[in-house]
Amino acid sequence: MTNNQDTRIDEVLKERWIGYTRSTEILKSLELLFRFHKSSRMQNVLIMGESNNGKTTIARKFLNSHPPYLRTIEEKESGCMFEVVTRPVIMVQCPHIPNEKRLYYEILDQLNLPYRKTTKAEYLQKTVINALKDMDTRVLILDEVHHILSGSPAKQREFLNLLKYISNTAYISIVALGTNEASFALKAEKQLDTRFDKMIIPRWKYDSDFIRLLMTIEKILPLEKESNLAEESISKELFRMSNGILGEVVKISRLAAIEAIESGIEKITPQLLKKLNYTSPFDNSPVMFH
């Protein structure tokens, strides 16, 4: 393999933002949420979709657009000026079971704050609330929120009441990410459920939006020849192989691009896609073409 090939394969494997209509709509909604004025009834968002269909990628795009920074404040008593860390948005993973202390650990880890696992929950809670206020956190992203369903009904309600308390006390909005079952988790606490705007990322259909997606992907693949992924024979094969799951479309396109570079073909063809012999881990029921 030449240095040029090796460099281009590295380019293929780089994480890149791939925008599309629904991702733009959701990001716009998240930016409005970020600007929402602090109140005792903060607004929240639940983003639902199948696994590997873009939820976390959208959330990370939003997270990266609001990075940590230092702000200068004045101490009231001394009048001295000093810098403090600001964390406008933080992202944590929901514990695999609804557990109060484990959520605090996740948040404190993200804020780079020390703690002891022997500390009582009420003290951890105070630490978390004070830290979120001090760091002027406006949005807490909670990934894999469907994990709440793994607890008993009582534990689910307890965990959801905790989220409501954090939101109300620290004046932050919550962006929850989860599978389509995540909406059932929120329904355990009706008052909290009404504060969440529901946004769905559906499985892709074989339509003009899917074709535009392939055209966007082709633009970032460093191949020396045009593949014309929008051409029907290639686009239908990519759709069939991916079952309309965004992460699968991207993964298959990368594998195909690497094979095209290594083989010297320098473009993706229907024959090359079949040669990959790729089987998606997702539902392999027949896909519908329109």
C-alpha atoms as a PDB file:
ATOM      1  CA  MET A   1       0.000   0.000   0.000  1.00  0.00           C
ATOM      2  CA  THR A   2       1.342   3.447  -0.931  1.00  0.00           C
ATOM      3  CA  ASN A   3       1.546   6.398   1.427  1.00  0.00           C
ATOM      4  CA  ASN A   4      -1.170   8.091  -0.627  1.00  0.00           C
ATOM      5  CA  GLN A   5      -3.501   5.126  -0.159  1.00  0.00           C
ATOM      6  CA  ASP A   6      -2.757   4.926   3.545  1.00  0.00           C
ATOM      7  CA  THR A   7      -3.432   8.637   4.004  1.00  0.00           C
ATOM      8  CA  ARG A   8      -6.732   8.433   2.149  1.00  0.00           C
ATOM      9  CA  ILE A   9      -7.874   5.427   4.185  1.00  0.00           C
ATOM     10  CA  ASP A  10      -7.201   7.473   7.319  1.00  0.00           C
ATOM     11  CA  GLU A  11      -9.398  10.183   5.787  1.00  0.00           C
ATOM     12  CA  VAL A  12     -12.180   7.660   5.181  1.00  0.00           C
ATOM     13  CA  LEU A  13     -12.070   6.551   8.820  1.00  0.00           C
ATOM     14  CA  LYS A  14     -12.229  10.064  10.276  1.00  0.00           C
ATOM     15  CA  GLU A  15     -15.441  10.981  12.066  1.00  0.00           C
ATOM     16  CA  ARG A  16     -17.220  13.608   9.999  1.00  0.00           C
ATOM     17  CA  TRP A  17     -20.473  15.449  10.371  1.00  0.00           C
ATOM     18  CA  ILE A  18     -22.997  14.445   7.718  1.00  0.00           C
ATOM     19  CA  GLY A  19     -25.931  16.823   7.732  1.00  0.00           C
ATOM     20  CA  TYR A  20     -29.409  16.067   6.425  1.00  0.00           C
ATOM     21  CA  THR A  21     -32.874  17.604   6.703  1.00  0.00           C
ATOM     22  CA  ARG A  22     -33.966  15.995   9.978  1.00  0.00           C
ATOM     23  CA  SER A  23     -30.626  16.613  11.705  1.00  0.00           C
ATOM     24  CA  THR A  24     -30.829  20.302  10.772  1.00  0.00           C
ATOM     25  CA  GLU A  25     -34.366  20.549  12.165  1.00  0.00           C
ATOM     26  CA  ILE A  26     -33.378  18.937  15.458  1.00  0.00           C
ATOM     27  CA  LEU A  27     -30.237  21.060  15.866  1.00  0.00           C
ATOM     28  CA  LYS A  28     -32.309  24.186  15.295  1.00  0.00           C
ATOM     29  CA  SER A  29     -34.707  23.088  18.048  1.00  0.00           C
ATOM     30  CA  LEU A  30     -31.813  22.380  20.413  1.00  0.00           C
ATOM     31  CA  GLU A  31     -30.345  25.832  19.805  1.00  0.00           C
ATOM     32  CA  LEU A  32     -33.704  27.403  20.699  1.00  0.00           C
ATOM     33  CA  LEU A  33     -33.791  25.259  23.832  1.00  0.00           C
ATOM     34  CA  PHE A  34     -30.292  26.476  24.736  1.00  0.00           C
ATOM     35  CA  ARG A  35     -31.479  30.082  24.546  1.00  0.00           C
ATOM     36  CA  PHE A  36     -34.536  29.378  26.695  1.00  0.00           C
ATOM     37  CA  HIS A  37     -34.641  31.704  29.706  1.00  0.00           C
ATOM     38  CA  LYS A  38     -34.125  30.067  33.074  1.00  0.00           C
ATOM     39  CA  SER A  39     -37.378  29.426  34.937  1.00  0.00           C
ATOM     40  CA  SER A  40     -38.954  27.068  37.452  1.00  0.00           C
ATOM     41  CA  ARG A  41     -40.425  25.084  34.559  1.00  0.00           C
ATOM     42  CA  MET A  42     -37.629  24.388  32.114  1.00  0.00           C
ATOM     43  CA  GLN A  43     -38.428  22.943  28.698  1.00  0.00           C
ATOM     44  CA  ASN A  44     -36.884  19.639  27.612  1.00  0.00           C
ATOM     45  CA  VAL A  45     -36.514  17.489  24.501  1.00  0.00           C
ATOM     46  CA  LEU A  46     -36.715  13.733  23.918  1.00  0.00           C
ATOM     47  CA  ILE A  47     -35.000  12.528  20.734  1.00  0.00           C
ATOM     48  CA  MET A  48     -36.105   9.018  19.785  1.00  0.00           C
ATOM     49  CA  GLY A  49     -34.942   6.627  17.114  1.00  0.00           C
ATOM     50  CA  GLU A  50     -33.538   3.208  16.453  1.00  0.00           C
ATOM     51  CA  SER A  51     -30.048   2.352  17.598  1.00  0.00           C
ATOM     52  CA  ASN A  52     -27.268   3.647  15.299  1.00  0.00           C
ATOM     53  CA  ASN A  53     -29.612   6.019  13.484  1.00  0.00           C
ATOM     54  CA  GLY A  54     -27.953   9.334  14.376  1.00  0.00           C
ATOM     55  CA  LYS A  55     -29.292  10.440  17.784  1.00  0.00           C
ATOM     56  CA  THR A  56     -25.965  10.565  19.599  1.00  0.00           C
ATOM     57  CA  THR A  57     -24.177  12.088  16.601  1.00  0.00           C
ATOM     58  CA  ILE A  58     -26.645  14.984  16.523  1.00  0.00           C
ATOM     59  CA  ALA A  59     -26.298  15.463  20.279  1.00  0.00           C
ATOM     60  CA  ARG A  60     -22.493  15.513  20.047  1.00  0.00           C
ATOM     61  CA  LYS A  61     -22.672  18.064  17.236  1.00  0.00           C
ATOM     62  CA  PHE A  62     -24.748  20.282  19.533  1.00  0.00           C
ATOM     63  CA  LEU A  63     -22.390  19.601  22.461  1.00  0.00           C
ATOM     64  CA  ASN A  64     -19.325  20.534  20.401  1.00  0.00           C
ATOM     65  CA  SER A  65     -20.951  23.788  19.307  1.00  0.00           C
ATOM     66  CA  HIS A  66     -21.045  24.858  22.976  1.00  0.00           C
ATOM     67  CA  PRO A  67     -17.579  23.967  24.335  1.00  0.00           C
ATOM     68  CA  PRO A  68     -16.285  24.790  27.821  1.00  0.00           C
ATOM     69  CA  TYR A  69     -14.714  28.212  28.293  1.00  0.00           C
ATOM     70  CA  LEU A  70     -13.355  30.496  31.009  1.00  0.00           C
ATOM     71  CA  ARG A  71     -15.360  33.499  32.131  1.00  0.00           C
ATOM     72  CA  THR A  72     -14.237  36.301  34.415  1.00  0.00           C
ATOM     73  CA  ILE A  73     -16.329  37.126  37.477  1.00  0.00           C
ATOM     74  CA  GLU A  74     -15.947  39.527  40.394  1.00  0.00           C
ATOM     75  CA  GLU A  75     -16.004  38.349  43.991  1.00  0.00           C
ATOM     76  CA  LYS A  76     -18.558  40.484  45.838  1.00  0.00           C
ATOM     77  CA  GLU A  77     -16.695  40.872  49.134  1.00  0.00           C
ATOM     78  CA  SER A  78     -13.137  41.522  47.917  1.00  0.00           C
ATOM     79  CA  GLY A  79     -13.873  42.936  44.492  1.00  0.00           C
ATOM     80  CA  CYS A  80     -11.183  40.646  43.082  1.00  0.00           C
ATOM     81  CA  MET A  81     -11.567  39.346  39.547  1.00  0.00           C
ATOM     82  CA  PHE A  82     -10.956  35.683  38.790  1.00  0.00           C
ATOM     83  CA  GLU A  83     -11.688  33.145  36.085  1.00  0.00           C
ATOM     84  CA  VAL A  84     -14.090  30.235  36.429  1.00  0.00           C
ATOM     85  CA  VAL A  85     -14.841  27.315  34.133  1.00  0.00           C
ATOM     86  CA  THR A  86     -18.157  27.418  32.288  1.00  0.00           C
ATOM     87  CA  ARG A  87     -19.739  24.221  30.940  1.00  0.00           C
ATOM     88  CA  PRO A  88     -22.746  25.337  28.858  1.00  0.00           C
ATOM     89  CA  VAL A  89     -23.672  21.785  27.802  1.00  0.00           C
ATOM     90  CA  ILE A  90     -22.675  18.432  29.282  1.00  0.00           C
ATOM     91  CA  MET A  91     -23.471  14.929  28.069  1.00  0.00           C
ATOM     92  CA  VAL A  92     -23.717  11.821  30.233  1.00  0.00           C
ATOM     93  CA  GLN A  93     -24.976   8.293  29.774  1.00  0.00           C
ATOM     94  CA  CYS A  94     -27.995   7.170  31.732  1.00  0.00           C
ATOM     95  CA  PRO A  95     -27.007   4.435  34.214  1.00  0.00           C
ATOM     96  CA  HIS A  96     -27.930   0.959  32.978  1.00  0.00           C
ATOM     97  CA  ILE A  97     -30.365   0.810  35.897  1.00  0.00           C
ATOM     98  CA  PRO A  98     -32.175   3.866  37.324  1.00  0.00           C
ATOM     99  CA  ASN A  99     -29.889   4.686  40.243  1.00  0.00           C
ATOM    100  CA  GLU A 100     -29.547   8.116  41.849  1.00  0.00           C
ATOM    101  CA  LYS A 101     -25.907   7.905  42.943  1.00  0.00           C
ATOM    102  CA  ARG A 102     -24.728   6.465  39.629  1.00  0.00           C
ATOM    103  CA  LEU A 103     -26.235   9.448  37.817  1.00  0.00           C
ATOM    104  CA  TYR A 104     -24.384  11.809  40.161  1.00  0.00           C
ATOM    105  CA  TYR A 105     -21.143   9.937  39.481  1.00  0.00           C
ATOM    106  CA  GLU A 106     -21.672  10.338  35.718  1.00  0.00           C
ATOM    107  CA  ILE A 107     -22.308  14.074  36.019  1.00  0.00           C
ATOM    108  CA  LEU A 108     -19.381  14.705  38.370  1.00  0.00           C
ATOM    109  CA  ASP A 109     -17.063  12.711  36.104  1.00  0.00           C
ATOM    110  CA  GLN A 110     -18.067  14.889  33.151  1.00  0.00           C
ATOM    111  CA  LEU A 111     -17.487  18.024  35.207  1.00  0.00           C
ATOM    112  CA  ASN A 112     -14.062  16.683  36.289  1.00  0.00           C
ATOM    113  CA  LEU A 113     -14.988  16.985  39.949  1.00  0.00           C
ATOM    114  CA  PRO A 114     -13.782  14.549  42.635  1.00  0.00           C
ATOM    115  CA  TYR A 115     -16.132  12.524  44.835  1.00  0.00           C
ATOM    116  CA  ARG A 116     -16.181   9.525  47.110  1.00  0.00           C
ATOM    117  CA  LYS A 117     -18.515   6.630  46.417  1.00  0.00           C
ATOM    118  CA  THR A 118     -19.109   6.370  50.153  1.00  0.00           C
ATOM    119  CA  THR A 119     -20.636   9.864  50.218  1.00  0.00           C
ATOM    120  CA  LYS A 120     -24.368   9.928  50.915  1.00  0.00           C
ATOM    121  CA  ALA A 121     -26.716  10.656  48.015  1.00  0.00           C
ATOM    122  CA  GLU A 122     -28.041  13.903  49.496  1.00  0.00           C
ATOM    123  CA  TYR A 123     -24.520  15.375  49.686  1.00  0.00           C
ATOM    124  CA  LEU A 124     -23.711  14.248  46.150  1.00  0.00           C
ATOM    125  CA  GLN A 125     -26.927  15.903  45.033  1.00  0.00           C
ATOM    126  CA  LYS A 126     -25.930  19.220  46.605  1.00  0.00           C
ATOM    127  CA  THR A 127     -22.504  18.973  44.973  1.00  0.00           C
ATOM    128  CA  VAL A 128     -24.044  18.320  41.552  1.00  0.00           C
ATOM    129  CA  ILE A 129     -26.625  21.111  41.807  1.00  0.00           C
ATOM    130  CA  ASN A 130     -24.052  23.650  43.018  1.00  0.00           C
ATOM    131  CA  ALA A 131     -21.571  22.625  40.309  1.00  0.00           C
ATOM    132  CA  LEU A 132     -24.167  22.946  37.543  1.00  0.00           C
ATOM    133  CA  LYS A 133     -25.066  26.410  38.811  1.00  0.00           C
ATOM    134  CA  ASP A 134     -21.448  27.515  39.283  1.00  0.00           C
ATOM    135  CA  MET A 135     -20.491  26.313  35.804  1.00  0.00           C
ATOM    136  CA  ASP A 136     -23.583  27.951  34.308  1.00  0.00           C
ATOM    137  CA  THR A 137     -24.705  24.700  32.667  1.00  0.00           C
ATOM    138  CA  ARG A 138     -27.782  25.268  30.534  1.00  0.00           C
ATOM    139  CA  VAL A 139     -28.372  21.838  28.983  1.00  0.00           C
ATOM    140  CA  LEU A 140     -27.832  18.304  30.295  1.00  0.00           C
ATOM    141  CA  ILE A 141     -27.834  15.638  27.567  1.00  0.00           C
ATOM    142  CA  LEU A 142     -28.834  12.228  28.900  1.00  0.00           C
ATOM    143  CA  ASP A 143     -28.052   9.386  26.479  1.00  0.00           C
ATOM    144  CA  GLU A 144     -29.639   5.906  26.561  1.00  0.00           C
ATOM    145  CA  VAL A 145     -32.601   7.171  28.600  1.00  0.00           C
ATOM    146  CA  HIS A 146     -34.548   3.972  27.818  1.00  0.00           C
ATOM    147  CA  HIS A 147     -32.335   2.318  30.459  1.00  0.00           C
ATOM    148  CA  ILE A 148     -34.823   3.731  32.975  1.00  0.00           C
ATOM    149  CA  LEU A 149     -37.206   0.949  31.939  1.00  0.00           C
ATOM    150  CA  SER A 150     -34.852  -1.648  33.441  1.00  0.00           C
ATOM    151  CA  GLY A 151     -35.961  -0.601  36.923  1.00  0.00           C
ATOM    152  CA  SER A 152     -39.170  -1.339  38.785  1.00  0.00           C
ATOM    153  CA  PRO A 153     -42.093   1.108  38.335  1.00  0.00           C
ATOM    154  CA  ALA A 154     -41.236   2.637  41.712  1.00  0.00           C
ATOM    155  CA  LYS A 155     -37.551   3.055  40.751  1.00  0.00           C
ATOM    156  CA  GLN A 156     -38.558   4.577  37.414  1.00  0.00           C
ATOM    157  CA  ARG A 157     -40.732   7.211  39.114  1.00  0.00           C
ATOM    158  CA  GLU A 158     -38.016   7.914  41.673  1.00  0.00           C
ATOM    159  CA  PHE A 159     -35.394   8.460  38.955  1.00  0.00           C
ATOM    160  CA  LEU A 160     -37.694  10.668  36.874  1.00  0.00           C
ATOM    161  CA  ASN A 161     -38.531  12.775  39.919  1.00  0.00           C
ATOM    162  CA  LEU A 162     -34.790  13.174  40.412  1.00  0.00           C
ATOM    163  CA  LEU A 163     -34.397  14.477  36.845  1.00  0.00           C
ATOM    164  CA  LYS A 164     -37.250  16.905  37.431  1.00  0.00           C
ATOM    165  CA  TYR A 165     -35.616  18.097  40.652  1.00  0.00           C
ATOM    166  CA  ILE A 166     -32.241  18.665  38.966  1.00  0.00           C
ATOM    167  CA  SER A 167     -33.900  20.556  36.117  1.00  0.00           C
ATOM    168  CA  ASN A 168     -36.013  22.728  38.439  1.00  0.00           C
ATOM    169  CA  THR A 169     -33.271  23.427  40.985  1.00  0.00           C
ATOM    170  CA  ALA A 170     -30.306  23.997  38.661  1.00  0.00           C
ATOM    171  CA  TYR A 171     -32.494  25.681  36.013  1.00  0.00           C
ATOM    172  CA  ILE A 172     -31.261  23.474  33.192  1.00  0.00           C
ATOM    173  CA  SER A 173     -32.991  21.842  30.242  1.00  0.00           C
ATOM    174  CA  ILE A 174     -32.665  18.114  29.668  1.00  0.00           C
ATOM    175  CA  VAL A 175     -32.146  16.566  26.244  1.00  0.00           C
ATOM    176  CA  ALA A 176     -32.923  12.857  26.522  1.00  0.00           C
ATOM    177  CA  LEU A 177     -31.819  10.389  23.849  1.00  0.00           C
ATOM    178  CA  GLY A 178     -33.251   6.925  23.501  1.00  0.00           C
ATOM    179  CA  THR A 179     -34.884   4.223  21.450  1.00  0.00           C
ATOM    180  CA  ASN A 180     -38.562   4.437  20.567  1.00  0.00           C
ATOM    181  CA  GLU A 181     -39.332   2.811  23.933  1.00  0.00           C
ATOM    182  CA  ALA A 182     -37.951   5.885  25.728  1.00  0.00           C
ATOM    183  CA  SER A 183     -41.346   7.613  25.613  1.00  0.00           C
ATOM    184  CA  PHE A 184     -42.760   4.837  27.813  1.00  0.00           C
ATOM    185  CA  ALA A 185     -40.086   5.574  30.402  1.00  0.00           C
ATOM    186  CA  LEU A 186     -41.125   9.224  30.683  1.00  0.00           C
ATOM    187  CA  LYS A 187     -44.812   8.400  30.996  1.00  0.00           C
ATOM    188  CA  ALA A 188     -44.131   7.049  34.492  1.00  0.00           C
ATOM    189  CA  GLU A 189     -44.000  10.696  35.638  1.00  0.00           C
ATOM    190  CA  LYS A 190     -46.800  12.593  33.879  1.00  0.00           C
ATOM    191  CA  GLN A 191     -45.777  16.078  34.990  1.00  0.00           C
ATOM    192  CA  LEU A 192     -42.260  15.589  33.636  1.00  0.00           C
ATOM    193  CA  ASP A 193     -43.504  13.911  30.456  1.00  0.00           C
ATOM    194  CA  THR A 194     -45.493  17.026  29.492  1.00  0.00           C
ATOM    195  CA  ARG A 195     -42.308  19.093  29.602  1.00  0.00           C
ATOM    196  CA  PHE A 196     -40.604  17.029  26.894  1.00  0.00           C
ATOM    197  CA  ASP A 197     -41.028  17.871  23.225  1.00  0.00           C
ATOM    198  CA  LYS A 198     -40.827  14.569  21.338  1.00  0.00           C
ATOM    199  CA  MET A 199     -38.651  14.396  18.212  1.00  0.00           C
ATOM    200  CA  ILE A 200     -38.383  11.209  16.182  1.00  0.00           C
ATOM    201  CA  ILE A 201     -35.560  10.198  13.849  1.00  0.00           C
ATOM    202  CA  PRO A 202     -37.241   7.627  11.607  1.00  0.00           C
ATOM    203  CA  ARG A 203     -35.565   4.841   9.704  1.00  0.00           C
ATOM    204  CA  TRP A 204     -34.658   6.095   6.231  1.00  0.00           C
ATOM    205  CA  LYS A 205     -36.870   5.442   3.239  1.00  0.00           C
ATOM    206  CA  TYR A 206     -35.658   4.965  -0.306  1.00  0.00           C
ATOM    207  CA  ASP A 207     -36.554   8.430  -1.527  1.00  0.00           C
ATOM    208  CA  SER A 208     -35.019  11.728  -2.614  1.00  0.00           C
ATOM    209  CA  ASP A 209     -33.740  12.418   0.922  1.00  0.00           C
ATOM    210  CA  PHE A 210     -31.815   9.135   0.904  1.00  0.00           C
ATOM    211  CA  ILE A 211     -30.338   9.952  -2.513  1.00  0.00           C
ATOM    212  CA  ARG A 212     -29.222  13.371  -1.236  1.00  0.00           C
ATOM    213  CA  LEU A 213     -27.628  11.656   1.757  1.00  0.00           C
ATOM    214  CA  LEU A 214     -25.586   9.416  -0.554  1.00  0.00           C
ATOM    215  CA  MET A 215     -24.497  12.424  -2.594  1.00  0.00           C
ATOM    216  CA  THR A 216     -23.299  14.120   0.609  1.00  0.00           C
ATOM    217  CA  ILE A 217     -21.375  11.000   1.647  1.00  0.00           C
ATOM    218  CA  GLU A 218     -19.735  10.681  -1.768  1.00  0.00           C
ATOM    219  CA  LYS A 219     -18.399  14.237  -1.544  1.00  0.00           C
ATOM    220  CA  ILE A 220     -16.331  13.390   1.536  1.00  0.00           C
ATOM    221  CA  LEU A 221     -14.930  10.073   0.287  1.00  0.00           C
ATOM    222  CA  PRO A 222     -11.357  10.595  -1.041  1.00  0.00           C
ATOM    223  CA  LEU A 223     -11.701   8.404  -4.130  1.00  0.00           C
ATOM    224  CA  GLU A 224      -9.991   9.293  -7.406  1.00  0.00           C
ATOM    225  CA  LYS A 225     -13.015   8.419  -9.551  1.00  0.00           C
ATOM    226  CA  GLU A 226     -16.697   9.283  -9.330  1.00  0.00           C
ATOM    227  CA  SER A 227     -18.825   6.518  -7.846  1.00  0.00           C
ATOM    228  CA  ASN A 228     -22.177   8.179  -8.544  1.00  0.00           C
ATOM    229  CA  LEU A 229     -23.774   6.672  -5.441  1.00  0.00           C
ATOM    230  CA  ALA A 230     -27.067   8.285  -6.441  1.00  0.00           C
ATOM    231  CA  GLU A 231     -27.275   5.962  -9.452  1.00  0.00           C
ATOM    232  CA  GLU A 232     -30.146   3.521  -8.953  1.00  0.00           C
ATOM    233  CA  SER A 233     -28.218   0.247  -9.003  1.00  0.00           C
ATOM    234  CA  ILE A 234     -25.789   1.472  -6.317  1.00  0.00           C
ATOM    235  CA  SER A 235     -28.252   3.440  -4.180  1.00  0.00           C
ATOM    236  CA  LYS A 236     -30.719   0.546  -4.003  1.00  0.00           C
ATOM    237  CA  GLU A 237     -27.952  -1.863  -3.029  1.00  0.00           C
ATOM    238  CA  LEU A 238     -26.752   0.489  -0.269  1.00  0.00           C
ATOM    239  CA  PHE A 239     -30.309   0.858   0.970  1.00  0.00           C
ATOM    240  CA  ARG A 240     -30.860  -2.900   0.976  1.00  0.00           C
ATOM    241  CA  MET A 241     -27.587  -3.599   2.802  1.00  0.00           C
ATOM    242  CA  SER A 242     -28.150  -0.890   5.426  1.00  0.00           C
ATOM    243  CA  ASN A 243     -31.864  -1.494   6.050  1.00  0.00           C
ATOM    244  CA  GLY A 244     -32.282   2.275   6.094  1.00  0.00           C
ATOM    245  CA  ILE A 245     -30.145   2.759   9.237  1.00  0.00           C
ATOM    246  CA  LEU A 246     -27.904   5.831   8.964  1.00  0.00           C
ATOM    247  CA  GLY A 247     -24.963   4.375  10.871  1.00  0.00           C
ATOM    248  CA  GLU A 248     -25.025   1.336   8.607  1.00  0.00           C
ATOM    249  CA  VAL A 249     -25.078   3.489   5.461  1.00  0.00           C
ATOM    250  CA  VAL A 250     -21.979   5.329   6.679  1.00  0.00           C
ATOM    251  CA  LYS A 251     -20.202   2.137   7.774  1.00  0.00           C
ATOM    252  CA  ILE A 252     -20.851   0.319   4.485  1.00  0.00           C
ATOM    253  CA  SER A 253     -19.775   3.370   2.475  1.00  0.00           C
ATOM    254  CA  ARG A 254     -16.509   3.482   4.430  1.00  0.00           C
ATOM    255  CA  LEU A 255     -15.823  -0.225   3.980  1.00  0.00           C
ATOM    256  CA  ALA A 256     -16.547   0.091   0.269  1.00  0.00           C
ATOM    257  CA  ALA A 257     -14.310   3.156  -0.078  1.00  0.00           C
ATOM    258  CA  ILE A 258     -11.430   1.361   1.652  1.00  0.00           C
ATOM    259  CA  GLU A 259     -11.852  -1.641  -0.643  1.00  0.00           C
ATOM    260  CA  ALA A 260     -11.942   0.688  -3.663  1.00  0.00           C
ATOM    261  CA  ILE A 261      -8.679   2.323  -2.567  1.00  0.00           C
ATOM    262  CA  GLU A 262      -6.870  -0.903  -1.720  1.00  0.00           C
ATOM    263  CA  SER A 263      -7.960  -2.662  -4.926  1.00  0.00           C
ATOM    264  CA  GLY A 264      -7.113   0.300  -7.139  1.00  0.00           C
ATOM    265  CA  ILE A 265     -10.653   0.496  -8.555  1.00  0.00           C
ATOM    266  CA  GLU A 266     -11.008   3.938  -6.947  1.00  0.00           C
ATOM    267  CA  LYS A 267     -14.800   3.985  -7.070  1.00  0.00           C
ATOM    268  CA  ILE A 268     -17.722   2.197  -5.448  1.00  0.00           C
ATOM    269  CA  THR A 269     -19.674  -0.119  -7.746  1.00  0.00           C
ATOM    270  CA  PRO A 270     -22.575  -2.560  -7.217  1.00  0.00           C
ATOM    271  CA  GLN A 271     -20.122  -5.426  -7.752  1.00  0.00           C
ATOM    272  CA  LEU A 272     -17.766  -4.060  -5.097  1.00  0.00           C
ATOM    273  CA  LEU A 273     -20.649  -3.724  -2.610  1.00  0.00           C
ATOM    274  CA  LYS A 274     -21.638  -7.355  -3.158  1.00  0.00           C
ATOM    275  CA  LYS A 275     -17.999  -8.388  -2.742  1.00  0.00           C
ATOM    276  CA  LEU A 276     -18.028  -6.943   0.784  1.00  0.00           C
ATOM    277  CA  ASN A 277     -20.452  -9.718   1.760  1.00  0.00           C
ATOM    278  CA  TYR A 278     -21.678  -7.430   4.540  1.00  0.00           C
ATOM    279  CA  THR A 279     -24.547  -8.457   6.814  1.00  0.00           C
ATOM    280  CA  SER A 280     -26.222  -5.750   8.863  1.00  0.00           C
ATOM    281  CA  PRO A 281     -26.890  -6.546  12.535  1.00  0.00           C
ATOM    282  CA  PHE A 282     -30.225  -4.783  12.180  1.00  0.00           C
ATOM    283  CA  ASP A 283     -33.585  -6.088  11.050  1.00  0.00           C
ATOM    284  CA  ASN A 284     -33.137  -7.924   7.772  1.00  0.00           C
ATOM    285  CA  SER A 285     -36.795  -7.918   6.777  1.00  0.00           C
ATOM    286  CA  PRO A 286     -37.372  -6.974   3.120  1.00  0.00           C
ATOM    287  CA  VAL A 287     -36.895  -3.261   2.522  1.00  0.00           C
ATOM    288  CA  MET A 288     -39.479  -1.266   0.613  1.00  0.00           C
ATOM    289  CA  PHE A 289     -38.561   0.705  -2.491  1.00  0.00           C
ATOM    290  CA  HIS A 290     -40.807   3.489  -3.682  1.00  0.00           C
END
